[in-house]
Each structure stands twice: as structure tokens, then as C-alpha cells.
PDB file of N, CA and C in Angstrom:
ATOM      1  N   ARG A   1       0.918  -0.882  -0.386  1.00  0.00           N
ATOM      2  CA  ARG A   1       0.171  -0.234  -0.045  1.00  0.00           C
ATOM      3  C   ARG A   1       0.781   1.341   0.067  1.00  0.00           C
ATOM      4  N   THR A   2       0.690   2.107  -0.791  1.00  0.00           N
ATOM      5  CA  THR A   2       1.364   3.437  -0.780  1.00  0.00           C
ATOM      6  C   THR A   2       0.902   4.403  -0.289  1.00  0.00           C
ATOM      7  N   VAL A   3       1.344   5.321   0.074  1.00  0.00           N
ATOM      8  CA  VAL A   3       0.508   6.702   0.962  1.00  0.00           C
ATOM      9  C   VAL A   3       0.843   7.649   0.272  1.00  0.00           C
ATOM     10  N   PRO A   4      -0.453   8.394   0.007  1.00  0.00           N
ATOM     11  CA  PRO A   4      -0.437   9.629  -1.330  1.00  0.00           C
ATOM     12  C   PRO A   4       0.700  10.666  -0.510  1.00  0.00           C
ATOM     13  N   ARG A   5       1.437  11.124  -1.084  1.00  0.00           N
ATOM     14  CA  ARG A   5       2.224  12.449  -0.956  1.00  0.00           C
ATOM     15  C   ARG A   5       1.588  13.859  -0.857  1.00  0.00           C
ATOM     16  N   THR A   6       1.623  14.128   0.261  1.00  0.00           N
ATOM     17  CA  THR A   6       1.210  15.392   0.156  1.00  0.00           C
ATOM     18  C   THR A   6       1.686  16.693  -0.040  1.00  0.00           C
ATOM     19  N   LYS A   7       1.624  18.063  -1.043  1.00  0.00           N
ATOM     20  CA  LYS A   7       2.358  18.734  -1.461  1.00  0.00           C
ATOM     21  C   LYS A   7       2.377  19.845  -0.907  1.00  0.00           C
ATOM     22  N   HIS A   8       3.621  20.294   0.069  1.00  0.00           N
ATOM     23  CA  HIS A   8       3.590  21.452   1.108  1.00  0.00           C
ATOM     24  C   HIS A   8       4.613  22.435   0.565  1.00  0.00           C
ATOM     25  N   LYS A   9       4.667  23.802   0.593  1.00  0.00           N
ATOM     26  CA  LYS A   9       6.015  24.703   0.934  1.00  0.00           C
ATOM     27  C   LYS A   9       6.762  24.151   1.857  1.00  0.00           C
ATOM     28  N   ALA A  10       7.826  24.433   1.195  1.00  0.00           N
ATOM     29  CA  ALA A  10       9.083  24.752   2.416  1.00  0.00           C
ATOM     30  C   ALA A  10       8.786  26.648   3.480  1.00  0.00           C
ATOM     31  N   THR A  11       9.065  26.450   4.356  1.00  0.00           N
ATOM     32  CA  THR A  11       9.124  27.805   5.119  1.00  0.00           C
ATOM     33  C   THR A  11      10.495  28.642   4.749  1.00  0.00           C
ATOM     34  N   PRO A  12      10.304  29.267   4.254  1.00  0.00           N
ATOM     35  CA  PRO A  12      11.572  29.593   4.375  1.00  0.00           C
ATOM     36  C   PRO A  12      12.668  30.202   6.142  1.00  0.00           C
ATOM     37  N   LEU A  13      13.848  29.891   6.314  1.00  0.00           N
ATOM     38  CA  LEU A  13      14.193  29.866   7.495  1.00  0.00           C
ATOM     39  C   LEU A  13      14.877  31.721   7.524  1.00  0.00           C
ATOM     40  N   ALA A  14      13.999  32.406   9.027  1.00  0.00           N
ATOM     41  CA  ALA A  14      14.245  33.374   8.962  1.00  0.00           C
ATOM     42  C   ALA A  14      15.477  33.984  10.045  1.00  0.00           C
ATOM     43  N   LEU A  15      16.579  34.450   9.333  1.00  0.00           N
ATOM     44  CA  LEU A  15      17.743  34.574   9.695  1.00  0.00           C
ATOM     45  C   LEU A  15      18.011  36.095  10.149  1.00  0.00           C
ATOM     46  N   PRO A  16      18.715  36.491  11.622  1.00  0.00           N
ATOM     47  CA  PRO A  16      18.930  37.813  11.771  1.00  0.00           C
ATOM     48  C   PRO A  16      19.598  38.885  10.743  1.00  0.00           C
ATOM     49  N   ALA A  17      19.249  39.850  10.690  1.00  0.00           N
ATOM     50  CA  ALA A  17      19.918  40.449   9.836  1.00  0.00           C
ATOM     51  C   ALA A  17      22.013  40.957   9.981  1.00  0.00           C
ATOM     52  N   PRO A  18      22.097  40.489   9.331  1.00  0.00           N
ATOM     53  CA  PRO A  18      23.767  40.498   9.415  1.00  0.00           C
ATOM     54  C   PRO A  18      24.030  42.577   9.937  1.00  0.00           C
ATOM     55  N   ALA A  19      22.956  43.156   9.258  1.00  0.00           N
ATOM     56  CA  ALA A  19      22.960  45.366   9.603  1.00  0.00           C
ATOM     57  C   ALA A  19      22.609  45.096  10.853  1.00  0.00           C
ATOM     58  N   ALA A  20      21.874  44.494  11.510  1.00  0.00           N
ATOM     59  CA  ALA A  20      21.364  45.004  13.039  1.00  0.00           C
ATOM     60  C   ALA A  20      23.197  44.697  13.819  1.00  0.00           C
ATOM     61  N   ALA A  21      23.424  43.436  13.498  1.00  0.00           N
ATOM     62  CA  ALA A  21      24.869  43.358  14.382  1.00  0.00           C
ATOM     63  C   ALA A  21      25.808  44.580  14.154  1.00  0.00           C
ATOM     64  N   ILE A  22      25.588  45.052  12.611  1.00  0.00           N
ATOM     65  CA  ILE A  22      27.000  45.652  12.548  1.00  0.00           C
ATOM     66  C   ILE A  22      26.334  47.261  13.200  1.00  0.00           C
ATOM     67  N   ALA A  23      24.951  47.593  13.217  1.00  0.00           N
ATOM     68  CA  ALA A  23      24.327  48.853  13.812  1.00  0.00           C
ATOM     69  C   ALA A  23      24.675  48.642  15.490  1.00  0.00           C
ATOM     70  N   THR A  24      24.234  47.498  15.801  1.00  0.00           N
ATOM     71  CA  THR A  24      24.897  47.282  16.958  1.00  0.00           C
ATOM     72  C   THR A  24      26.122  48.011  17.447  1.00  0.00           C
ATOM     73  N   THR A  25      27.215  47.465  16.944  1.00  0.00           N
ATOM     74  CA  THR A  25      28.540  47.804  17.083  1.00  0.00           C
ATOM     75  C   THR A  25      28.661  49.174  16.660  1.00  0.00           C
ATOM     76  N   ALA A  26      28.527  49.828  15.933  1.00  0.00           N
ATOM     77  CA  ALA A  26      28.575  50.882  15.032  1.00  0.00           C
ATOM     78  C   ALA A  26      28.069  51.757  16.247  1.00  0.00           C
ATOM     79  N   ALA A  27      27.187  51.385  16.728  1.00  0.00           N
ATOM     80  CA  ALA A  27      26.508  52.239  18.309  1.00  0.00           C
ATOM     81  C   ALA A  27      27.526  51.891  19.311  1.00  0.00           C
ATOM     82  N   ALA A  28      27.992  51.151  19.525  1.00  0.00           N
ATOM     83  CA  ALA A  28      28.647  51.108  20.800  1.00  0.00           C
ATOM     84  C   ALA A  28      30.247  51.891  20.413  1.00  0.00           C
ATOM     85  N   ASP A  29      30.879  52.016  18.957  1.00  0.00           N
ATOM     86  CA  ASP A  29      31.568  52.559  18.627  1.00  0.00           C
ATOM     87  C   ASP A  29      31.716  54.066  18.746  1.00  0.00           C
ATOM     88  N   ALA A  30      30.319  54.161  18.494  1.00  0.00           N
ATOM     89  CA  ALA A  30      30.215  55.649  18.943  1.00  0.00           C
ATOM     90  C   ALA A  30      29.893  56.201  19.818  1.00  0.00           C
ATOM     91  N   GLY A  31      29.911  55.124  20.996  1.00  0.00           N
ATOM     92  CA  GLY A  31      30.163  55.891  22.375  1.00  0.00           C
ATOM     93  C   GLY A  31      28.845  55.750  22.635  1.00  0.00           C
ATOM     94  N   ALA A  32      27.390  55.063  21.952  1.00  0.00           N
ATOM     95  CA  ALA A  32      26.230  54.910  22.486  1.00  0.00           C
ATOM     96  C   ALA A  32      26.443  53.794  24.152  1.00  0.00           C
ATOM     97  N   SER A  33      25.377  54.230  25.294  1.00  0.00           N
ATOM     98  CA  SER A  33      25.748  53.327  26.612  1.00  0.00           C
ATOM     99  C   SER A  33      24.796  52.742  26.777  1.00  0.00           C
ATOM    100  N   PRO A  34      24.979  51.107  26.613  1.00  0.00           N
ATOM    101  CA  PRO A  34      23.906  50.626  27.230  1.00  0.00           C
ATOM    102  C   PRO A  34      22.676  51.157  28.727  1.00  0.00           C
ATOM    103  N   VAL A  35      23.793  51.922  28.985  1.00  0.00           N
ATOM    104  CA  VAL A  35      22.903  52.718  30.660  1.00  0.00           C
ATOM    105  C   VAL A  35      22.013  53.980  30.328  1.00  0.00           C
ATOM    106  N   ALA A  36      22.830  54.443  29.555  1.00  0.00           N
ATOM    107  CA  ALA A  36      21.775  55.530  29.051  1.00  0.00           C
ATOM    108  C   ALA A  36      20.914  55.534  27.967  1.00  0.00           C
ATOM    109  N   GLY A  37      20.650  54.418  27.774  1.00  0.00           N
ATOM    110  CA  GLY A  37      19.998  54.032  26.795  1.00  0.00           C
ATOM    111  C   GLY A  37      20.001  54.102  25.445  1.00  0.00           C
ATOM    112  N   GLY A  38      21.253  54.460  25.317  1.00  0.00           N
ATOM    113  CA  GLY A  38      21.637  54.689  23.677  1.00  0.00           C
ATOM    114  C   GLY A  38      21.206  53.469  22.976  1.00  0.00           C
ATOM    115  N   TRP A  39      21.170  52.206  23.881  1.00  0.00           N
ATOM    116  CA  TRP A  39      21.328  50.856  22.316  1.00  0.00           C
ATOM    117  C   TRP A  39      19.554  50.386  22.915  1.00  0.00           C
ATOM    118  N   GLY A  40      18.669  51.495  23.549  1.00  0.00           N
ATOM    119  CA  GLY A  40      17.369  50.957  23.465  1.00  0.00           C
ATOM    120  C   GLY A  40      17.062  50.514  24.849  1.00  0.00           C
ATOM    121  N   GLY A  41      15.743  50.239  24.956  1.00  0.00           N
ATOM    122  CA  GLY A  41      15.270  49.478  26.596  1.00  0.00           C
ATOM    123  C   GLY A  41      15.863  50.431  27.475  1.00  0.00           C
ATOM    124  N   GLY A  42      16.515  51.861  27.673  1.00  0.00           N
ATOM    125  CA  GLY A  42      16.523  52.539  28.574  1.00  0.00           C
ATOM    126  C   GLY A  42      17.515  51.808  29.391  1.00  0.00           C
ATOM    127  N   GLY A  43      18.355  50.756  29.363  1.00  0.00           N
ATOM    128  CA  GLY A  43      19.353  50.399  29.661  1.00  0.00           C
ATOM    129  C   GLY A  43      19.121  50.068  31.351  1.00  0.00           C
ATOM    130  N   ASP A  44      17.810  49.722  31.748  1.00  0.00           N
ATOM    131  CA  ASP A  44      17.442  49.724  33.150  1.00  0.00           C
ATOM    132  C   ASP A  44      17.295  48.200  33.773  1.00  0.00           C
ATOM    133  N   GLY A  45      17.792  47.333  32.777  1.00  0.00           N
ATOM    134  CA  GLY A  45      17.707  46.243  33.209  1.00  0.00           C
ATOM    135  C   GLY A  45      16.037  44.991  32.861  1.00  0.00           C
ATOM    136  N   GLY A  46      14.998  46.357  32.956  1.00  0.00           N
ATOM    137  CA  GLY A  46      13.645  45.563  32.602  1.00  0.00           C
ATOM    138  C   GLY A  46      13.792  44.951  31.347  1.00  0.00           C
ATOM    139  N   GLY A  47      12.038  44.725  31.098  1.00  0.00           N
ATOM    140  CA  GLY A  47      11.657  44.076  30.525  1.00  0.00           C
ATOM    141  C   GLY A  47      11.727  45.220  28.757  1.00  0.00           C
ATOM    142  N   GLY A  48      10.992  44.995  27.680  1.00  0.00           N
ATOM    143  CA  GLY A  48      10.559  46.123  27.149  1.00  0.00           C
ATOM    144  C   GLY A  48      11.455  45.422  25.763  1.00  0.00           C
ATOM    145  N   GLY A  49      10.818  45.465  24.978  1.00  0.00           N
ATOM    146  CA  GLY A  49      11.607  44.693  23.773  1.00  0.00           C
ATOM    147  C   GLY A  49      12.750  45.724  23.025  1.00  0.00           C
ATOM    148  N   GLY A  50      13.632  45.145  21.957  1.00  0.00           N
ATOM    149  CA  GLY A  50      14.746  45.535  21.885  1.00  0.00           C
ATOM    150  C   GLY A  50      15.505  45.807  22.848  1.00  0.00           C
ATOM    151  N   GLY A  51      16.465  46.853  22.767  1.00  0.00           N
ATOM    152  CA  GLY A  51      17.596  47.112  23.917  1.00  0.00           C
ATOM    153  C   GLY A  51      18.397  46.216  23.592  1.00  0.00           C
ATOM    154  N   LEU A  52      19.432  46.224  24.920  1.00  0.00           N
ATOM    155  CA  LEU A  52      20.792  45.691  25.070  1.00  0.00           C
ATOM    156  C   LEU A  52      20.873  44.108  24.289  1.00  0.00           C
ATOM    157  N   PRO A  53      21.356  44.616  23.129  1.00  0.00           N
ATOM    158  CA  PRO A  53      21.616  43.402  22.265  1.00  0.00           C
ATOM    159  C   PRO A  53      22.369  42.281  23.099  1.00  0.00           C
ATOM    160  N   PHE A  54      23.701  42.320  23.391  1.00  0.00           N
ATOM    161  CA  PHE A  54      24.761  41.144  24.041  1.00  0.00           C
ATOM    162  C   PHE A  54      24.639  41.430  25.384  1.00  0.00           C
ATOM    163  N   VAL A  55      24.155  42.424  26.514  1.00  0.00           N
ATOM    164  CA  VAL A  55      24.152  41.775  27.964  1.00  0.00           C
ATOM    165  C   VAL A  55      23.022  41.289  28.634  1.00  0.00           C
ATOM    166  N   ALA A  56      22.759  40.575  29.674  1.00  0.00           N
ATOM    167  CA  ALA A  56      21.765  39.817  29.802  1.00  0.00           C
ATOM    168  C   ALA A  56      21.009  40.790  30.919  1.00  0.00           C
ATOM    169  N   ARG A  57      19.358  41.116  30.250  1.00  0.00           N
ATOM    170  CA  ARG A  57      19.133  42.080  30.871  1.00  0.00           C
ATOM    171  C   ARG A  57      18.888  41.994  32.509  1.00  0.00           C
ATOM    172  N   ASP A  58      18.267  40.766  32.500  1.00  0.00           N
ATOM    173  CA  ASP A  58      17.595  40.287  34.510  1.00  0.00           C
ATOM    174  C   ASP A  58      19.316  40.636  35.391  1.00  0.00           C
ATOM    175  N   HIS A  59      20.514  40.848  34.789  1.00  0.00           N
ATOM    176  CA  HIS A  59      21.502  41.009  35.661  1.00  0.00           C
ATOM    177  C   HIS A  59      21.939  42.291  35.872  1.00  0.00           C
ATOM    178  N   ILE A  60      21.263  43.198  35.043  1.00  0.00           N
ATOM    179  CA  ILE A  60      21.840  44.469  35.040  1.00  0.00           C
ATOM    180  C   ILE A  60      20.911  45.450  36.282  1.00  0.00           C
ATOM    181  N   GLY A  61      19.797  44.878  36.926  1.00  0.00           N
ATOM    182  CA  GLY A  61      19.690  45.517  37.700  1.00  0.00           C
ATOM    183  C   GLY A  61      20.251  45.294  39.298  1.00  0.00           C
ATOM    184  N   GLU A  62      20.274  44.155  38.995  1.00  0.00           N
ATOM    185  CA  GLU A  62      20.984  43.324  40.392  1.00  0.00           C
ATOM    186  C   GLU A  62      22.641  44.019  40.393  1.00  0.00           C
ATOM    187  N   LEU A  63      23.351  44.124  39.374  1.00  0.00           N
ATOM    188  CA  LEU A  63      24.589  44.616  39.391  1.00  0.00           C
ATOM    189  C   LEU A  63      24.508  46.253  40.020  1.00  0.00           C
ATOM    190  N   ARG A  64      23.806  47.290  39.018  1.00  0.00           N
ATOM    191  CA  ARG A  64      23.241  48.273  39.222  1.00  0.00           C
ATOM    192  C   ARG A  64      23.087  48.658  40.769  1.00  0.00           C
ATOM    193  N   ALA A  65      21.998  47.478  41.688  1.00  0.00           N
ATOM    194  CA  ALA A  65      21.424  47.527  43.147  1.00  0.00           C
ATOM    195  C   ALA A  65      23.085  47.666  43.685  1.00  0.00           C
ATOM    196  N   LYS A  66      23.625  46.454  43.574  1.00  0.00           N
ATOM    197  CA  LYS A  66      25.047  46.375  44.269  1.00  0.00           C
ATOM    198  C   LYS A  66      26.342  47.554  44.330  1.00  0.00           C
ATOM    199  N   LEU A  67      26.421  48.244  42.917  1.00  0.00           N
ATOM    200  CA  LEU A  67      27.215  49.229  42.380  1.00  0.00           C
ATOM    201  C   LEU A  67      26.917  50.216  43.328  1.00  0.00           C
ATOM    202  N   THR A  68      25.792  50.447  43.689  1.00  0.00           N
ATOM    203  CA  THR A  68      24.825  51.815  44.016  1.00  0.00           C
ATOM    204  C   THR A  68      24.960  51.488  45.864  1.00  0.00           C
ATOM    205  N   GLN A  69      24.492  50.171  45.912  1.00  0.00           N
ATOM    206  CA  GLN A  69      24.328  50.397  47.713  1.00  0.00           C
ATOM    207  C   GLN A  69      25.623  50.261  48.158  1.00  0.00           C
ATOM    208  N   HIS A  70      26.737  50.026  47.776  1.00  0.00           N
ATOM    209  CA  HIS A  70      28.286  50.122  48.046  1.00  0.00           C
ATOM    210  C   HIS A  70      29.268  51.494  47.536  1.00  0.00           C
ATOM    211  N   GLY A  71      28.506  52.561  46.431  1.00  0.00           N
ATOM    212  CA  GLY A  71      29.120  53.479  46.701  1.00  0.00           C
ATOM    213  C   GLY A  71      30.217  53.336  45.540  1.00  0.00           C
ATOM    214  N   LEU A  72      29.602  52.500  43.979  1.00  0.00           N
ATOM    215  CA  LEU A  72      30.430  52.008  42.986  1.00  0.00           C
ATOM    216  C   LEU A  72      29.686  52.019  41.493  1.00  0.00           C
ATOM    217  N   GLU A  73      28.644  52.795  41.473  1.00  0.00           N
ATOM    218  CA  GLU A  73      27.662  53.369  40.672  1.00  0.00           C
ATOM    219  C   GLU A  73      28.376  53.598  39.400  1.00  0.00           C
ATOM    220  N   ALA A  74      29.057  54.758  39.769  1.00  0.00           N
ATOM    221  CA  ALA A  74      30.075  54.785  38.618  1.00  0.00           C
ATOM    222  C   ALA A  74      31.089  54.278  37.739  1.00  0.00           C
ATOM    223  N   TYR A  75      31.045  52.739  38.141  1.00  0.00           N
ATOM    224  CA  TYR A  75      31.336  51.572  37.390  1.00  0.00           C
ATOM    225  C   TYR A  75      30.907  50.999  36.460  1.00  0.00           C
ATOM    226  N   LEU A  76      29.414  51.286  36.311  1.00  0.00           N
ATOM    227  CA  LEU A  76      28.736  50.478  36.059  1.00  0.00           C
ATOM    228  C   LEU A  76      28.515  50.257  34.857  1.00  0.00           C
ATOM    229  N   GLU A  77      28.789  51.425  34.193  1.00  0.00           N
ATOM    230  CA  GLU A  77      28.817  51.371  32.532  1.00  0.00           C
ATOM    231  C   GLU A  77      29.920  50.898  32.010  1.00  0.00           C
ATOM    232  N   ARG A  78      31.422  51.057  32.584  1.00  0.00           N
ATOM    233  CA  ARG A  78      32.506  50.102  32.523  1.00  0.00           C
ATOM    234  C   ARG A  78      32.262  48.368  32.363  1.00  0.00           C
ATOM    235  N   CYS A  79      31.739  48.001  33.120  1.00  0.00           N
ATOM    236  CA  CYS A  79      31.320  46.783  33.914  1.00  0.00           C
ATOM    237  C   CYS A  79      30.677  46.055  32.655  1.00  0.00           C
ATOM    238  N   LEU A  80      29.714  47.097  32.411  1.00  0.00           N
ATOM    239  CA  LEU A  80      28.339  46.436  30.994  1.00  0.00           C
ATOM    240  C   LEU A  80      29.579  46.239  29.818  1.00  0.00           C
ATOM    241  N   ALA A  81      30.481  47.640  29.502  1.00  0.00           N
ATOM    242  CA  ALA A  81      30.941  47.722  28.248  1.00  0.00           C
ATOM    243  C   ALA A  81      32.011  46.600  27.871  1.00  0.00           C
ATOM    244  N   GLU A  82      32.641  46.177  29.785  1.00  0.00           N
ATOM    245  CA  GLU A  82      33.633  45.142  29.107  1.00  0.00           C
ATOM    246  C   GLU A  82      33.121  43.835  29.721  1.00  0.00           C
ATOM    247  N   GLY A  83      31.540  43.457  29.482  1.00  0.00           N
ATOM    248  CA  GLY A  83      31.035  42.495  29.885  1.00  0.00           C
ATOM    249  C   GLY A  83      31.156  41.489  30.979  1.00  0.00           C
ATOM    250  N   PHE A  84      30.904  42.327  32.005  1.00  0.00           N
ATOM    251  CA  PHE A  84      30.828  42.167  33.322  1.00  0.00           C
ATOM    252  C   PHE A  84      29.935  42.594  33.808  1.00  0.00           C
ATOM    253  N   ASP A  85      28.257  41.731  33.719  1.00  0.00           N
ATOM    254  CA  ASP A  85      27.446  41.791  34.147  1.00  0.00           C
ATOM    255  C   ASP A  85      26.739  40.766  35.298  1.00  0.00           C
ATOM    256  N   ASP A  86      27.169  40.563  35.034  1.00  0.00           N
ATOM    257  CA  ASP A  86      26.559  39.170  35.838  1.00  0.00           C
ATOM    258  C   ASP A  86      27.434  38.676  36.912  1.00  0.00           C
ATOM    259  N   LEU A  87      27.166  39.280  38.362  1.00  0.00           N
ATOM    260  CA  LEU A  87      27.899  39.122  39.410  1.00  0.00           C
ATOM    261  C   LEU A  87      28.026  37.138  39.848  1.00  0.00           C
ATOM    262  N   HIS A  88      27.075  36.702  38.894  1.00  0.00           N
ATOM    263  CA  HIS A  88      26.770  35.171  39.452  1.00  0.00           C
ATOM    264  C   HIS A  88      28.064  34.225  38.601  1.00  0.00           C
ATOM    265  N   PHE A  89      28.575  34.855  37.887  1.00  0.00           N
ATOM    266  CA  PHE A  89      29.521  34.401  37.153  1.00  0.00           C
ATOM    267  C   PHE A  89      30.848  34.770  38.002  1.00  0.00           C
ATOM    268  N   LEU A  90      30.728  36.230  38.450  1.00  0.00           N
ATOM    269  CA  LEU A  90      32.545  36.600  38.890  1.00  0.00           C
ATOM    270  C   LEU A  90      32.464  35.828  40.174  1.00  0.00           C
ATOM    271  N   LYS A  91      31.549  35.730  40.896  1.00  0.00           N
ATOM    272  CA  LYS A  91      31.584  34.749  42.032  1.00  0.00           C
ATOM    273  C   LYS A  91      31.948  33.371  41.948  1.00  0.00           C
ATOM    274  N   THR A  92      31.954  32.726  40.852  1.00  0.00           N
ATOM    275  CA  THR A  92      32.651  31.517  40.618  1.00  0.00           C
ATOM    276  C   THR A  92      34.088  32.008  39.986  1.00  0.00           C
ATOM    277  N   MET A  93      34.813  32.921  40.177  1.00  0.00           N
ATOM    278  CA  MET A  93      36.134  33.185  40.070  1.00  0.00           C
ATOM    279  C   MET A  93      36.897  33.407  40.792  1.00  0.00           C
ATOM    280  N   PRO A  94      38.126  33.080  40.992  1.00  0.00           N
ATOM    281  CA  PRO A  94      39.027  33.607  42.323  1.00  0.00           C
ATOM    282  C   PRO A  94      39.268  34.778  42.406  1.00  0.00           C
ATOM    283  N   ARG A  95      39.659  34.944  43.812  1.00  0.00           N
ATOM    284  CA  ARG A  95      39.607  36.801  44.267  1.00  0.00           C
ATOM    285  C   ARG A  95      40.372  37.375  43.316  1.00  0.00           C
ATOM    286  N   GLU A  96      41.868  36.672  43.318  1.00  0.00           N
ATOM    287  CA  GLU A  96      42.952  37.697  42.917  1.00  0.00           C
ATOM    288  C   GLU A  96      42.139  38.061  41.174  1.00  0.00           C
ATOM    289  N   GLU A  97      41.914  36.734  40.415  1.00  0.00           N
ATOM    290  CA  GLU A  97      41.556  37.407  39.180  1.00  0.00           C
ATOM    291  C   GLU A  97      40.675  38.484  39.431  1.00  0.00           C
ATOM    292  N   VAL A  98      39.429  38.489  40.122  1.00  0.00           N
ATOM    293  CA  VAL A  98      38.377  39.259  40.495  1.00  0.00           C
ATOM    294  C   VAL A  98      38.752  40.581  40.914  1.00  0.00           C
ATOM    295  N   LEU A  99      40.066  40.888  41.112  1.00  0.00           N
ATOM    296  CA  LEU A  99      40.653  41.661  41.884  1.00  0.00           C
ATOM    297  C   LEU A  99      41.326  42.687  40.475  1.00  0.00           C
ATOM    298  N   ALA A 100      42.673  41.571  39.698  1.00  0.00           N
ATOM    299  CA  ALA A 100      43.087  42.031  38.828  1.00  0.00           C
ATOM    300  C   ALA A 100      42.068  42.605  37.920  1.00  0.00           C
ATOM    301  N   ILE A 101      41.016  42.145  37.119  1.00  0.00           N
ATOM    302  CA  ILE A 101      40.060  42.535  36.263  1.00  0.00           C
ATOM    303  C   ILE A 101      39.486  43.581  37.265  1.00  0.00           C
ATOM    304  N   ALA A 102      39.054  44.019  38.197  1.00  0.00           N
ATOM    305  CA  ALA A 102      38.684  45.528  38.589  1.00  0.00           C
ATOM    306  C   ALA A 102      39.584  46.379  38.324  1.00  0.00           C
ATOM    307  N   LYS A 103      40.692  45.966  39.047  1.00  0.00           N
ATOM    308  CA  LYS A 103      41.823  47.242  38.428  1.00  0.00           C
ATOM    309  C   LYS A 103      41.925  47.167  37.101  1.00  0.00           C
ATOM    310  N   GLU A 104      42.501  46.678  36.185  1.00  0.00           N
ATOM    311  CA  GLU A 104      42.538  46.637  35.229  1.00  0.00           C
ATOM    312  C   GLU A 104      41.713  46.616  34.025  1.00  0.00           C
ATOM    313  N   THR A 105      41.097  45.745  34.294  1.00  0.00           N
ATOM    314  CA  THR A 105      40.108  46.416  33.324  1.00  0.00           C
ATOM    315  C   THR A 105      38.862  46.965  33.616  1.00  0.00           C
ATOM    316  N   LEU A 106      38.333  47.113  34.724  1.00  0.00           N
ATOM    317  CA  LEU A 106      37.238  48.058  35.053  1.00  0.00           C
ATOM    318  C   LEU A 106      37.632  49.710  35.381  1.00  0.00           C
ATOM    319  N   GLY A 107      38.777  50.040  35.899  1.00  0.00           N
ATOM    320  CA  GLY A 107      39.514  51.187  36.298  1.00  0.00           C
ATOM    321  C   GLY A 107      39.384  51.035  37.765  1.00  0.00           C
ATOM    322  N   MET A 108      39.281  50.126  38.427  1.00  0.00           N
ATOM    323  CA  MET A 108      38.769  50.691  39.433  1.00  0.00           C
ATOM    324  C   MET A 108      40.018  50.865  40.722  1.00  0.00           C
ATOM    325  N   ARG A 109      39.530  52.145  41.321  1.00  0.00           N
ATOM    326  CA  ARG A 109      41.259  51.960  42.458  1.00  0.00           C
ATOM    327  C   ARG A 109      41.202  50.665  43.545  1.00  0.00           C
ATOM    328  N   PRO A 110      42.257  50.693  44.168  1.00  0.00           N
ATOM    329  CA  PRO A 110      42.564  49.860  44.659  1.00  0.00           C
ATOM    330  C   PRO A 110      41.384  49.225  45.637  1.00  0.00           C
ATOM    331  N   GLY A 111      41.659  50.444  46.634  1.00  0.00           N
ATOM    332  CA  GLY A 111      39.952  50.373  47.707  1.00  0.00           C
ATOM    333  C   GLY A 111      38.396  50.028  46.837  1.00  0.00           C
ATOM    334  N   HIS A 112      38.462  50.551  45.965  1.00  0.00           N
ATOM    335  CA  HIS A 112      36.846  50.162  45.536  1.00  0.00           C
ATOM    336  C   HIS A 112      37.172  49.018  44.883  1.00  0.00           C
ATOM    337  N   ALA A 113      38.343  48.166  44.111  1.00  0.00           N
ATOM    338  CA  ALA A 113      38.170  46.642  43.786  1.00  0.00           C
ATOM    339  C   ALA A 113      38.416  45.915  44.942  1.00  0.00           C
ATOM    340  N   LEU A 114      38.221  46.278  46.626  1.00  0.00           N
ATOM    341  CA  LEU A 114      38.029  45.050  47.194  1.00  0.00           C
ATOM    342  C   LEU A 114      36.585  45.228  47.613  1.00  0.00           C
ATOM    343  N   LYS A 115      36.571  46.596  47.576  1.00  0.00           N
ATOM    344  CA  LYS A 115      35.149  46.670  47.838  1.00  0.00           C
ATOM    345  C   LYS A 115      34.007  45.908  47.164  1.00  0.00           C
ATOM    346  N   PHE A 116      34.694  46.010  45.635  1.00  0.00           N
ATOM    347  CA  PHE A 116      33.536  45.004  44.549  1.00  0.00           C
ATOM    348  C   PHE A 116      33.532  43.950  45.088  1.00  0.00           C
ATOM    349  N   TYR A 117      34.400  42.911  45.130  1.00  0.00           N
ATOM    350  CA  TYR A 117      35.136  41.790  45.601  1.00  0.00           C
ATOM    351  C   TYR A 117      34.166  41.445  46.798  1.00  0.00           C
ATOM    352  N   ASP A 118      34.229  42.717  47.862  1.00  0.00           N
ATOM    353  CA  ASP A 118      34.063  41.651  49.130  1.00  0.00           C
ATOM    354  C   ASP A 118      32.965  41.991  49.149  1.00  0.00           C
ATOM    355  N   TRP A 119      31.990  43.395  48.976  1.00  0.00           N
ATOM    356  CA  TRP A 119      30.502  43.397  49.577  1.00  0.00           C
ATOM    357  C   TRP A 119      29.781  43.255  47.890  1.00  0.00           C
ATOM    358  N   CYS A 120      29.874  43.449  46.519  1.00  0.00           N
ATOM    359  CA  CYS A 120      29.130  42.960  45.606  1.00  0.00           C
ATOM    360  C   CYS A 120      29.260  41.447  45.210  1.00  0.00           C
ATOM    361  N   VAL A 121      30.401  41.095  45.257  1.00  0.00           N
ATOM    362  CA  VAL A 121      30.401  40.129  44.378  1.00  0.00           C
ATOM    363  C   VAL A 121      30.437  38.719  45.514  1.00  0.00           C
ATOM    364  N   HIS A 122      30.913  39.094  46.589  1.00  0.00           N
ATOM    365  CA  HIS A 122      30.493  38.188  47.959  1.00  0.00           C
ATOM    366  C   HIS A 122      29.608  38.183  48.913  1.00  0.00           C
ATOM    367  N   ASP A 123      29.180  39.184  48.593  1.00  0.00           N
ATOM    368  CA  ASP A 123      28.131  39.991  49.992  1.00  0.00           C
ATOM    369  C   ASP A 123      28.486  40.125  51.215  1.00  0.00           C
ATOM    370  N   ARG A 124      29.928  40.231  51.626  1.00  0.00           N
ATOM    371  CA  ARG A 124      30.558  40.094  53.048  1.00  0.00           C
ATOM    372  C   ARG A 124      30.364  41.253  53.931  1.00  0.00           C
ATOM    373  N   ALA A 125      29.230  42.573  53.090  1.00  0.00           N
ATOM    374  CA  ALA A 125      29.526  43.716  54.022  1.00  0.00           C
ATOM    375  C   ALA A 125      27.501  43.253  54.663  1.00  0.00           C
TER     376      ALA A 125
END
């Protein structure tokens, strides 16, 4: 017994436009800030369409709260720009590595780097 074949049309696969990635990179190169809302979505970590293309939006609110709570909010934009937006990830790293990143990559003063590690990353305050 033969099964009759049905005719169906294949649906084309929609891929993200490369132009969107280029536009995001261009916005970053032009100084657009995810915190100031330059990439859409307000940069507040909340919901809404569009917005931060490579930053996990749910981590921004936690990071902002911790930095603000301990007087380190000036480093928020640098943390996001360098990709250090997830405190849970930072908690998996050795102390010396986090301190080196804080000082060398994020530009923190030595005392601020210690605060960042002890109070923000490991909740010791």
C-alpha cells in the first residue's frame, strides 16, 4: 500500500540581519551607552522590546543595585561595556582574578576593587 504524498511549501528560515549586528557595533563604537539608553530599552535591566543586544538584561538590575548600595555606581557603564554584568559568574572566579579585572579592566582604584569583590561579588558587607 502506498501513502499518497501531500504537497507542501517549505517555509524559508528567517535569519537575523547582519546589518543589525553592524548597527549595534557602530552604536557602541560611537559611544552609545547601554546604561544611558543609547542601545534602546533604557538600559535599566527591565523588560521591553529591543534593548541591550548582548547584555543579559536581568543581571543589570542586580549589578546596578549592588554597585549603588556600596557607592560604586560610577563603574556600572564600564562593567557593562567590558561584559562583566553577571555577579553570579564573577562569584565563580578566584579572588585575585576578580581584583585584577576590577583594577586593570574596569579601572577601579585599589580600595574600590576590594569593596567590589567583598561587598558586591561575595556579599560580605
